[in-house]
């Protein structure tokens, strides 16, 4: 009996993680979106550090380029997440009433 390929196992785990992650994020109430974005930014920052370490410790050029690509994607995710979080927090600020205009 031949063992199951590790690549197939990793692919199955990846697909299940996408499925579970989609359903978890989709069912979050609007009040929890800002804390959720903050946590995902922290996770992406950890991914950046891991990708930098992985890219630095590899010997093949393909792995190094993939590590650099992972760092770039995670950086886009972090900065985009901060922009979305800031935009969401702007929605909770009180708007100033203009002088002379009655409500």
PDB file of N, CA and C in Angstrom:
ATOM      1  N   UNK A   1       0.840  -1.187   0.000  1.00  0.00           N
ATOM      2  CA  UNK A   1       0.000   0.000   0.000  1.00  0.00           C
ATOM      3  C   UNK A   1       0.880   1.243   0.000  1.00  0.00           C
ATOM      4  N   UNK A   2       0.633   2.101  -0.937  1.00  0.00           N
ATOM      5  CA  UNK A   2       1.439   3.311  -1.077  1.00  0.00           C
ATOM      6  C   UNK A   2       0.861   4.429  -0.217  1.00  0.00           C
ATOM      7  N   UNK A   3       1.737   5.196   0.408  1.00  0.00           N
ATOM      8  CA  UNK A   3       1.301   6.311   1.265  1.00  0.00           C
ATOM      9  C   UNK A   3       0.776   7.454   0.399  1.00  0.00           C
ATOM     10  N   UNK A   4      -0.057   8.266   0.985  1.00  0.00           N
ATOM     11  CA  UNK A   4      -0.610   9.425   0.285  1.00  0.00           C
ATOM     12  C   UNK A   4       0.484  10.478   0.159  1.00  0.00           C
ATOM     13  N   UNK A   5       0.528  11.116  -0.972  1.00  0.00           N
ATOM     14  CA  UNK A   5       1.537  12.129  -1.239  1.00  0.00           C
ATOM     15  C   UNK A   5       1.408  13.314  -0.274  1.00  0.00           C
ATOM     16  N   UNK A   6       2.514  13.798   0.299  1.00  0.00           N
ATOM     17  CA  UNK A   6       2.448  14.959   1.183  1.00  0.00           C
ATOM     18  C   UNK A   6       1.907  16.205   0.469  1.00  0.00           C
ATOM     19  N   UNK A   7       2.156  16.298  -0.824  1.00  0.00           N
ATOM     20  CA  UNK A   7       1.636  17.437  -1.578  1.00  0.00           C
ATOM     21  C   UNK A   7       0.116  17.404  -1.614  1.00  0.00           C
ATOM     22  N   UNK A   8      -0.450  16.225  -1.776  1.00  0.00           N
ATOM     23  CA  UNK A   8      -1.907  16.096  -1.779  1.00  0.00           C
ATOM     24  C   UNK A   8      -2.488  16.439  -0.405  1.00  0.00           C
ATOM     25  N   UNK A   9      -1.837  15.991   0.647  1.00  0.00           N
ATOM     26  CA  UNK A   9      -2.303  16.319   2.000  1.00  0.00           C
ATOM     27  C   UNK A   9      -2.253  17.825   2.226  1.00  0.00           C
ATOM     28  N   UNK A  10      -1.153  18.471   1.820  1.00  0.00           N
ATOM     29  CA  UNK A  10      -1.039  19.926   1.968  1.00  0.00           C
ATOM     30  C   UNK A  10      -2.103  20.654   1.156  1.00  0.00           C
ATOM     31  N   UNK A  11      -2.402  20.156  -0.028  1.00  0.00           N
ATOM     32  CA  UNK A  11      -3.433  20.772  -0.865  1.00  0.00           C
ATOM     33  C   UNK A  11      -4.808  20.645  -0.214  1.00  0.00           C
ATOM     34  N   UNK A  12      -5.101  19.497   0.363  1.00  0.00           N
ATOM     35  CA  UNK A  12      -6.385  19.301   1.042  1.00  0.00           C
ATOM     36  C   UNK A  12      -6.502  20.236   2.243  1.00  0.00           C
ATOM     37  N   UNK A  13      -5.447  20.352   3.022  1.00  0.00           N
ATOM     38  CA  UNK A  13      -5.459  21.264   4.174  1.00  0.00           C
ATOM     39  C   UNK A  13      -5.653  22.698   3.712  1.00  0.00           C
ATOM     40  N   UNK A  14      -4.993  23.082   2.630  1.00  0.00           N
ATOM     41  CA  UNK A  14      -5.116  24.441   2.100  1.00  0.00           C
ATOM     42  C   UNK A  14      -6.551  24.731   1.667  1.00  0.00           C
ATOM     43  N   UNK A  15      -7.170  23.808   0.954  1.00  0.00           N
ATOM     44  CA  UNK A  15      -8.548  23.998   0.486  1.00  0.00           C
ATOM     45  C   UNK A  15      -9.509  24.065   1.672  1.00  0.00           C
ATOM     46  N   UNK A  16      -9.328  23.198   2.671  1.00  0.00           N
ATOM     47  CA  UNK A  16     -10.177  23.243   3.863  1.00  0.00           C
ATOM     48  C   UNK A  16      -9.997  24.550   4.635  1.00  0.00           C
ATOM     49  N   UNK A  17      -8.767  25.051   4.712  1.00  0.00           N
ATOM     50  CA  UNK A  17      -8.519  26.323   5.396  1.00  0.00           C
ATOM     51  C   UNK A  17      -9.214  27.475   4.679  1.00  0.00           C
ATOM     52  N   UNK A  18      -9.204  27.458   3.354  1.00  0.00           N
ATOM     53  CA  UNK A  18      -9.912  28.491   2.594  1.00  0.00           C
ATOM     54  C   UNK A  18     -11.408  28.415   2.871  1.00  0.00           C
ATOM     55  N   UNK A  19     -11.952  27.204   2.861  1.00  0.00           N
ATOM     56  CA  UNK A  19     -13.387  27.019   3.097  1.00  0.00           C
ATOM     57  C   UNK A  19     -13.794  27.489   4.491  1.00  0.00           C
ATOM     58  N   UNK A  20     -13.063  27.051   5.503  1.00  0.00           N
ATOM     59  CA  UNK A  20     -13.392  27.438   6.883  1.00  0.00           C
ATOM     60  C   UNK A  20     -13.182  28.937   7.072  1.00  0.00           C
ATOM     61  N   UNK A  21     -12.081  29.473   6.558  1.00  0.00           N
ATOM     62  CA  UNK A  21     -11.815  30.904   6.693  1.00  0.00           C
ATOM     63  C   UNK A  21     -12.882  31.755   6.040  1.00  0.00           C
ATOM     64  N   UNK A  22     -13.341  31.342   4.879  1.00  0.00           N
ATOM     65  CA  UNK A  22     -14.393  32.094   4.188  1.00  0.00           C
ATOM     66  C   UNK A  22     -15.661  32.138   5.026  1.00  0.00           C
ATOM     67  N   UNK A  23     -16.059  31.000   5.552  1.00  0.00           N
ATOM     68  CA  UNK A  23     -17.301  30.960   6.322  1.00  0.00           C
ATOM     69  C   UNK A  23     -17.172  31.675   7.666  1.00  0.00           C
ATOM     70  N   UNK A  24     -16.019  31.631   8.274  1.00  0.00           N
ATOM     71  CA  UNK A  24     -15.822  32.341   9.538  1.00  0.00           C
ATOM     72  C   UNK A  24     -15.884  33.844   9.314  1.00  0.00           C
ATOM     73  N   UNK A  25     -15.185  34.338   8.303  1.00  0.00           N
ATOM     74  CA  UNK A  25     -15.150  35.779   8.048  1.00  0.00           C
ATOM     75  C   UNK A  25     -16.501  36.271   7.524  1.00  0.00           C
ATOM     76  N   UNK A  26     -17.163  35.498   6.702  1.00  0.00           N
ATOM     77  CA  UNK A  26     -18.433  35.924   6.118  1.00  0.00           C
ATOM     78  C   UNK A  26     -19.521  36.087   7.174  1.00  0.00           C
ATOM     79  N   UNK A  27     -19.463  35.304   8.244  1.00  0.00           N
ATOM     80  CA  UNK A  27     -20.503  35.341   9.266  1.00  0.00           C
ATOM     81  C   UNK A  27     -20.175  36.253  10.449  1.00  0.00           C
ATOM     82  N   UNK A  28     -19.158  37.082  10.330  1.00  0.00           N
ATOM     83  CA  UNK A  28     -18.803  38.008  11.408  1.00  0.00           C
ATOM     84  C   UNK A  28     -19.779  39.178  11.401  1.00  0.00           C
ATOM     85  N   UNK A  29     -20.213  39.566  12.594  1.00  0.00           N
ATOM     86  CA  UNK A  29     -21.109  40.726  12.689  1.00  0.00           C
ATOM     87  C   UNK A  29     -20.326  41.989  12.362  1.00  0.00           C
ATOM     88  N   UNK A  30     -20.999  43.031  11.871  1.00  0.00           N
ATOM     89  CA  UNK A  30     -20.288  44.262  11.499  1.00  0.00           C
ATOM     90  C   UNK A  30     -19.504  44.904  12.649  1.00  0.00           C
ATOM     91  N   UNK A  31     -19.959  44.719  13.881  1.00  0.00           N
ATOM     92  CA  UNK A  31     -19.255  45.327  15.013  1.00  0.00           C
ATOM     93  C   UNK A  31     -17.879  44.704  15.245  1.00  0.00           C
ATOM     94  N   UNK A  32     -17.670  43.514  14.747  1.00  0.00           N
ATOM     95  CA  UNK A  32     -16.393  42.825  14.968  1.00  0.00           C
ATOM     96  C   UNK A  32     -15.430  42.914  13.796  1.00  0.00           C
ATOM     97  N   UNK A  33     -15.793  43.625  12.742  1.00  0.00           N
ATOM     98  CA  UNK A  33     -14.915  43.696  11.576  1.00  0.00           C
ATOM     99  C   UNK A  33     -13.608  44.411  11.876  1.00  0.00           C
ATOM    100  N   UNK A  34     -13.642  45.501  12.648  1.00  0.00           N
ATOM    101  CA  UNK A  34     -12.422  46.240  12.935  1.00  0.00           C
ATOM    102  C   UNK A  34     -11.444  45.411  13.759  1.00  0.00           C
ATOM    103  N   UNK A  35     -11.878  44.751  14.853  1.00  0.00           N
ATOM    104  CA  UNK A  35     -10.916  43.894  15.567  1.00  0.00           C
ATOM    105  C   UNK A  35     -10.406  42.730  14.714  1.00  0.00           C
ATOM    106  N   UNK A  36     -11.268  42.206  13.866  1.00  0.00           N
ATOM    107  CA  UNK A  36     -10.847  41.111  12.993  1.00  0.00           C
ATOM    108  C   UNK A  36      -9.764  41.589  12.026  1.00  0.00           C
ATOM    109  N   UNK A  37      -9.922  42.790  11.487  1.00  0.00           N
ATOM    110  CA  UNK A  37      -8.908  43.339  10.574  1.00  0.00           C
ATOM    111  C   UNK A  37      -7.590  43.552  11.313  1.00  0.00           C
ATOM    112  N   UNK A  38      -7.654  43.999  12.565  1.00  0.00           N
ATOM    113  CA  UNK A  38      -6.427  44.206  13.333  1.00  0.00           C
ATOM    114  C   UNK A  38      -5.693  42.884  13.545  1.00  0.00           C
ATOM    115  N   UNK A  39      -6.432  41.823  13.813  1.00  0.00           N
ATOM    116  CA  UNK A  39      -5.808  40.512  14.017  1.00  0.00           C
ATOM    117  C   UNK A  39      -5.208  40.003  12.713  1.00  0.00           C
ATOM    118  N   UNK A  40      -5.906  40.171  11.606  1.00  0.00           N
ATOM    119  CA  UNK A  40      -5.353  39.699  10.336  1.00  0.00           C
ATOM    120  C   UNK A  40      -4.121  40.498   9.936  1.00  0.00           C
ATOM    121  N   UNK A  41      -4.066  41.775  10.306  1.00  0.00           N
ATOM    122  CA  UNK A  41      -2.849  42.555  10.047  1.00  0.00           C
ATOM    123  C   UNK A  41      -1.683  41.996  10.846  1.00  0.00           C
ATOM    124  N   UNK A  42      -1.932  41.614  12.094  1.00  0.00           N
ATOM    125  CA  UNK A  42      -0.866  41.040  12.915  1.00  0.00           C
ATOM    126  C   UNK A  42      -0.403  39.700  12.337  1.00  0.00           C
ATOM    127  N   UNK A  43      -1.335  38.892  11.880  1.00  0.00           N
ATOM    128  CA  UNK A  43      -0.970  37.603  11.282  1.00  0.00           C
ATOM    129  C   UNK A  43      -0.160  37.816  10.010  1.00  0.00           C
ATOM    130  N   UNK A  44      -0.548  38.799   9.207  1.00  0.00           N
ATOM    131  CA  UNK A  44       0.205  39.078   7.981  1.00  0.00           C
ATOM    132  C   UNK A  44       1.605  39.581   8.296  1.00  0.00           C
ATOM    133  N   UNK A  45       1.750  40.323   9.383  1.00  0.00           N
ATOM    134  CA  UNK A  45       3.085  40.777   9.776  1.00  0.00           C
ATOM    135  C   UNK A  45       3.957  39.584  10.162  1.00  0.00           C
ATOM    136  N   UNK A  46       3.370  38.591  10.811  1.00  0.00           N
ATOM    137  CA  UNK A  46       4.110  37.376  11.149  1.00  0.00           C
ATOM    138  C   UNK A  46       4.486  36.626   9.872  1.00  0.00           C
ATOM    139  N   UNK A  47       3.578  36.613   8.893  1.00  0.00           N
ATOM    140  CA  UNK A  47       3.870  35.968   7.610  1.00  0.00           C
ATOM    141  C   UNK A  47       5.045  36.659   6.923  1.00  0.00           C
ATOM    142  N   UNK A  48       5.112  37.981   7.024  1.00  0.00           N
ATOM    143  CA  UNK A  48       6.229  38.715   6.420  1.00  0.00           C
ATOM    144  C   UNK A  48       7.544  38.282   7.047  1.00  0.00           C
ATOM    145  N   UNK A  49       7.580  38.189   8.376  1.00  0.00           N
ATOM    146  CA  UNK A  49       8.820  37.777   9.047  1.00  0.00           C
ATOM    147  C   UNK A  49       9.189  36.348   8.641  1.00  0.00           C
ATOM    148  N   UNK A  50       8.214  35.455   8.617  1.00  0.00           N
ATOM    149  CA  UNK A  50       8.486  34.073   8.214  1.00  0.00           C
ATOM    150  C   UNK A  50       8.955  33.971   6.775  1.00  0.00           C
ATOM    151  N   UNK A  51       8.344  34.736   5.892  1.00  0.00           N
ATOM    152  CA  UNK A  51       8.749  34.701   4.486  1.00  0.00           C
ATOM    153  C   UNK A  51      10.151  35.270   4.303  1.00  0.00           C
ATOM    154  N   UNK A  52      10.486  36.292   5.072  1.00  0.00           N
ATOM    155  CA  UNK A  52      11.839  36.848   4.989  1.00  0.00           C
ATOM    156  C   UNK A  52      12.875  35.823   5.457  1.00  0.00           C
ATOM    157  N   UNK A  53      12.555  35.132   6.547  1.00  0.00           N
ATOM    158  CA  UNK A  53      13.479  34.100   7.038  1.00  0.00           C
ATOM    159  C   UNK A  53      13.603  32.963   6.036  1.00  0.00           C
ATOM    160  N   UNK A  54      12.478  32.523   5.492  1.00  0.00           N
ATOM    161  CA  UNK A  54      12.511  31.429   4.524  1.00  0.00           C
ATOM    162  C   UNK A  54      13.277  31.817   3.266  1.00  0.00           C
ATOM    163  N   UNK A  55      13.093  33.046   2.808  1.00  0.00           N
ATOM    164  CA  UNK A  55      13.803  33.488   1.603  1.00  0.00           C
ATOM    165  C   UNK A  55      15.296  33.625   1.863  1.00  0.00           C
ATOM    166  N   UNK A  56      15.652  34.051   3.060  1.00  0.00           N
ATOM    167  CA  UNK A  56      17.069  34.246   3.366  1.00  0.00           C
ATOM    168  C   UNK A  56      17.813  32.924   3.558  1.00  0.00           C
ATOM    169  N   UNK A  57      17.102  31.905   4.026  1.00  0.00           N
ATOM    170  CA  UNK A  57      17.773  30.638   4.349  1.00  0.00           C
ATOM    171  C   UNK A  57      17.769  29.633   3.201  1.00  0.00           C
ATOM    172  N   UNK A  58      17.185  29.971   2.074  1.00  0.00           N
ATOM    173  CA  UNK A  58      17.140  29.023   0.952  1.00  0.00           C
ATOM    174  C   UNK A  58      18.406  29.126   0.120  1.00  0.00           C
ATOM    175  N   UNK A  59      18.655  28.050  -0.600  1.00  0.00           N
ATOM    176  CA  UNK A  59      19.827  28.028  -1.471  1.00  0.00           C
ATOM    177  C   UNK A  59      19.467  28.144  -2.945  1.00  0.00           C
ATOM    178  N   UNK A  60      18.244  27.749  -3.300  1.00  0.00           N
ATOM    179  CA  UNK A  60      17.864  27.828  -4.708  1.00  0.00           C
ATOM    180  C   UNK A  60      17.270  29.202  -5.009  1.00  0.00           C
ATOM    181  N   UNK A  61      17.453  29.625  -6.228  1.00  0.00           N
ATOM    182  CA  UNK A  61      16.960  30.950  -6.604  1.00  0.00           C
ATOM    183  C   UNK A  61      15.433  30.965  -6.725  1.00  0.00           C
ATOM    184  N   UNK A  62      14.822  29.847  -7.129  1.00  0.00           N
ATOM    185  CA  UNK A  62      13.369  29.786  -7.234  1.00  0.00           C
ATOM    186  C   UNK A  62      12.716  29.996  -5.869  1.00  0.00           C
ATOM    187  N   UNK A  63      13.242  29.332  -4.858  1.00  0.00           N
ATOM    188  CA  UNK A  63      12.689  29.488  -3.508  1.00  0.00           C
ATOM    189  C   UNK A  63      12.891  30.914  -3.005  1.00  0.00           C
ATOM    190  N   UNK A  64      14.009  31.504  -3.332  1.00  0.00           N
ATOM    191  CA  UNK A  64      14.264  32.882  -2.897  1.00  0.00           C
ATOM    192  C   UNK A  64      13.282  33.849  -3.561  1.00  0.00           C
ATOM    193  N   UNK A  65      13.022  33.657  -4.864  1.00  0.00           N
ATOM    194  CA  UNK A  65      12.057  34.517  -5.553  1.00  0.00           C
ATOM    195  C   UNK A  65      10.646  34.319  -5.007  1.00  0.00           C
ATOM    196  N   UNK A  66      10.299  33.082  -4.681  1.00  0.00           N
ATOM    197  CA  UNK A  66       8.979  32.831  -4.105  1.00  0.00           C
ATOM    198  C   UNK A  66       8.865  33.472  -2.724  1.00  0.00           C
ATOM    199  N   UNK A  67       9.949  33.474  -1.953  1.00  0.00           N
ATOM    200  CA  UNK A  67       9.951  34.135  -0.650  1.00  0.00           C
ATOM    201  C   UNK A  67       9.774  35.639  -0.785  1.00  0.00           C
ATOM    202  N   UNK A  68      10.447  36.225  -1.761  1.00  0.00           N
ATOM    203  CA  UNK A  68      10.298  37.661  -2.009  1.00  0.00           C
ATOM    204  C   UNK A  68       8.867  37.972  -2.452  1.00  0.00           C
ATOM    205  N   UNK A  69       8.303  37.110  -3.271  1.00  0.00           N
ATOM    206  CA  UNK A  69       6.920  37.284  -3.715  1.00  0.00           C
ATOM    207  C   UNK A  69       5.961  37.178  -2.525  1.00  0.00           C
ATOM    208  N   UNK A  70       6.210  36.242  -1.613  1.00  0.00           N
ATOM    209  CA  UNK A  70       5.376  36.108  -0.414  1.00  0.00           C
ATOM    210  C   UNK A  70       5.482  37.349   0.465  1.00  0.00           C
ATOM    211  N   UNK A  71       6.667  37.902   0.589  1.00  0.00           N
ATOM    212  CA  UNK A  71       6.838  39.133   1.369  1.00  0.00           C
ATOM    213  C   UNK A  71       6.048  40.272   0.729  1.00  0.00           C
ATOM    214  N   UNK A  72       6.109  40.382  -0.585  1.00  0.00           N
ATOM    215  CA  UNK A  72       5.383  41.454  -1.276  1.00  0.00           C
ATOM    216  C   UNK A  72       3.869  41.308  -1.094  1.00  0.00           C
ATOM    217  N   UNK A  73       3.349  40.094  -1.250  1.00  0.00           N
ATOM    218  CA  UNK A  73       1.911  39.888  -1.077  1.00  0.00           C
ATOM    219  C   UNK A  73       1.468  40.160   0.355  1.00  0.00           C
ATOM    220  N   UNK A  74       2.232  39.716   1.325  1.00  0.00           N
ATOM    221  CA  UNK A  74       1.874  39.956   2.719  1.00  0.00           C
ATOM    222  C   UNK A  74       1.947  41.448   3.046  1.00  0.00           C
ATOM    223  N   UNK A  75       2.918  42.157   2.462  1.00  0.00           N
ATOM    224  CA  UNK A  75       3.016  43.601   2.702  1.00  0.00           C
ATOM    225  C   UNK A  75       1.803  44.335   2.130  1.00  0.00           C
ATOM    226  N   UNK A  76       1.363  43.933   0.948  1.00  0.00           N
ATOM    227  CA  UNK A  76       0.151  44.528   0.366  1.00  0.00           C
ATOM    228  C   UNK A  76      -1.042  44.262   1.273  1.00  0.00           C
ATOM    229  N   UNK A  77      -1.119  43.055   1.820  1.00  0.00           N
ATOM    230  CA  UNK A  77      -2.213  42.706   2.716  1.00  0.00           C
ATOM    231  C   UNK A  77      -2.177  43.540   3.989  1.00  0.00           C
ATOM    232  N   UNK A  78      -1.001  43.741   4.564  1.00  0.00           N
ATOM    233  CA  UNK A  78      -0.887  44.532   5.794  1.00  0.00           C
ATOM    234  C   UNK A  78      -1.287  45.978   5.537  1.00  0.00           C
ATOM    235  N   UNK A  79      -0.722  46.599   4.524  1.00  0.00           N
ATOM    236  CA  UNK A  79      -1.023  48.006   4.270  1.00  0.00           C
ATOM    237  C   UNK A  79      -2.477  48.205   3.843  1.00  0.00           C
ATOM    238  N   UNK A  80      -2.998  47.301   3.041  1.00  0.00           N
ATOM    239  CA  UNK A  80      -4.412  47.380   2.680  1.00  0.00           C
ATOM    240  C   UNK A  80      -5.309  47.201   3.889  1.00  0.00           C
ATOM    241  N   UNK A  81      -4.930  46.303   4.784  1.00  0.00           N
ATOM    242  CA  UNK A  81      -5.711  46.096   6.005  1.00  0.00           C
ATOM    243  C   UNK A  81      -5.718  47.324   6.886  1.00  0.00           C
ATOM    244  N   UNK A  82      -4.579  47.999   6.991  1.00  0.00           N
ATOM    245  CA  UNK A  82      -4.541  49.234   7.784  1.00  0.00           C
ATOM    246  C   UNK A  82      -5.407  50.316   7.153  1.00  0.00           C
ATOM    247  N   UNK A  83      -5.401  50.399   5.834  1.00  0.00           N
ATOM    248  CA  UNK A  83      -6.250  51.390   5.171  1.00  0.00           C
ATOM    249  C   UNK A  83      -7.732  51.100   5.395  1.00  0.00           C
ATOM    250  N   UNK A  84      -8.100  49.827   5.301  1.00  0.00           N
ATOM    251  CA  UNK A  84      -9.502  49.461   5.519  1.00  0.00           C
ATOM    252  C   UNK A  84      -9.900  49.710   6.968  1.00  0.00           C
ATOM    253  N   UNK A  85      -9.017  49.379   7.911  1.00  0.00           N
ATOM    254  CA  UNK A  85      -9.312  49.606   9.327  1.00  0.00           C
ATOM    255  C   UNK A  85      -9.482  51.099   9.600  1.00  0.00           C
ATOM    256  N   UNK A  86      -8.599  51.917   9.041  1.00  0.00           N
ATOM    257  CA  UNK A  86      -8.724  53.365   9.248  1.00  0.00           C
ATOM    258  C   UNK A  86     -10.025  53.891   8.657  1.00  0.00           C
ATOM    259  N   UNK A  87     -10.376  53.386   7.497  1.00  0.00           N
ATOM    260  CA  UNK A  87     -11.625  53.823   6.854  1.00  0.00           C
ATOM    261  C   UNK A  87     -12.841  53.407   7.680  1.00  0.00           C
ATOM    262  N   UNK A  88     -12.790  52.222   8.258  1.00  0.00           N
ATOM    263  CA  UNK A  88     -13.900  51.768   9.090  1.00  0.00           C
ATOM    264  C   UNK A  88     -13.992  52.589  10.370  1.00  0.00           C
ATOM    265  N   UNK A  89     -12.859  52.942  10.954  1.00  0.00           N
ATOM    266  CA  UNK A  89     -12.884  53.755  12.171  1.00  0.00           C
ATOM    267  C   UNK A  89     -13.383  55.169  11.890  1.00  0.00           C
ATOM    268  N   UNK A  90     -13.155  55.667  10.681  1.00  0.00           N
ATOM    269  CA  UNK A  90     -13.670  56.982  10.290  1.00  0.00           C
ATOM    270  C   UNK A  90     -15.200  56.989  10.301  1.00  0.00           C
ATOM    271  N   UNK A  91     -15.812  55.853  10.051  1.00  0.00           N
ATOM    272  CA  UNK A  91     -17.269  55.777  10.019  1.00  0.00           C
ATOM    273  C   UNK A  91     -17.875  55.998  11.412  1.00  0.00           C
ATOM    274  N   UNK A  92     -17.101  55.733  12.464  1.00  0.00           N
ATOM    275  CA  UNK A  92     -17.627  55.866  13.811  1.00  0.00           C
ATOM    276  C   UNK A  92     -17.405  57.257  14.403  1.00  0.00           C
ATOM    277  N   UNK A  93     -16.674  58.125  13.729  1.00  0.00           N
ATOM    278  CA  UNK A  93     -16.445  59.478  14.235  1.00  0.00           C
ATOM    279  C   UNK A  93     -17.695  60.320  14.064  1.00  0.00           C
ATOM    280  N   UNK A  94     -17.901  61.216  15.019  1.00  0.00           N
ATOM    281  CA  UNK A  94     -19.033  62.128  14.922  1.00  0.00           C
ATOM    282  C   UNK A  94     -18.715  63.195  13.888  1.00  0.00           C
ATOM    283  N   UNK A  95     -19.723  63.518  13.098  1.00  0.00           N
ATOM    284  CA  UNK A  95     -19.534  64.533  12.063  1.00  0.00           C
ATOM    285  C   UNK A  95     -19.793  65.901  12.659  1.00  0.00           C
ATOM    286  N   UNK A  96     -18.938  66.857  12.307  1.00  0.00           N
ATOM    287  CA  UNK A  96     -19.119  68.227  12.778  1.00  0.00           C
ATOM    288  C   UNK A  96     -20.254  68.901  12.040  1.00  0.00           C
ATOM    289  N   UNK A  97     -21.091  69.605  12.795  1.00  0.00           N
ATOM    290  CA  UNK A  97     -22.179  70.362  12.163  1.00  0.00           C
ATOM    291  C   UNK A  97     -21.639  71.706  11.725  1.00  0.00           C
ATOM    292  N   UNK A  98     -22.044  72.116  10.549  1.00  0.00           N
ATOM    293  CA  UNK A  98     -21.581  73.407  10.019  1.00  0.00           C
ATOM    294  C   UNK A  98     -22.267  74.532  10.776  1.00  0.00           C
ATOM    295  N   UNK A  99     -21.561  75.617  10.973  1.00  0.00           N
ATOM    296  CA  UNK A  99     -22.114  76.773  11.679  1.00  0.00           C
ATOM    297  C   UNK A  99     -23.223  77.416  10.846  1.00  0.00           C
ATOM    298  N   UNK A 100     -24.327  77.756  11.486  1.00  0.00           N
ATOM    299  CA  UNK A 100     -25.423  78.427  10.815  1.00  0.00           C
ATOM    300  C   UNK A 100     -26.411  77.505  10.152  1.00  0.00           C
ATOM    301  N   UNK A 101     -26.156  76.238  10.131  1.00  0.00           N
ATOM    302  CA  UNK A 101     -27.081  75.292   9.517  1.00  0.00           C
ATOM    303  C   UNK A 101     -27.838  74.582  10.628  1.00  0.00           C
ATOM    304  N   UNK A 102     -29.178  74.652  10.557  1.00  0.00           N
ATOM    305  CA  UNK A 102     -29.979  74.011  11.579  1.00  0.00           C
ATOM    306  C   UNK A 102     -30.339  72.603  11.106  1.00  0.00           C
ATOM    307  N   UNK A 103     -30.333  71.696  12.060  1.00  0.00           N
ATOM    308  CA  UNK A 103     -30.612  70.302  11.733  1.00  0.00           C
ATOM    309  C   UNK A 103     -32.084  69.995  11.731  1.00  0.00           C
TER     310      UNK A 103
END
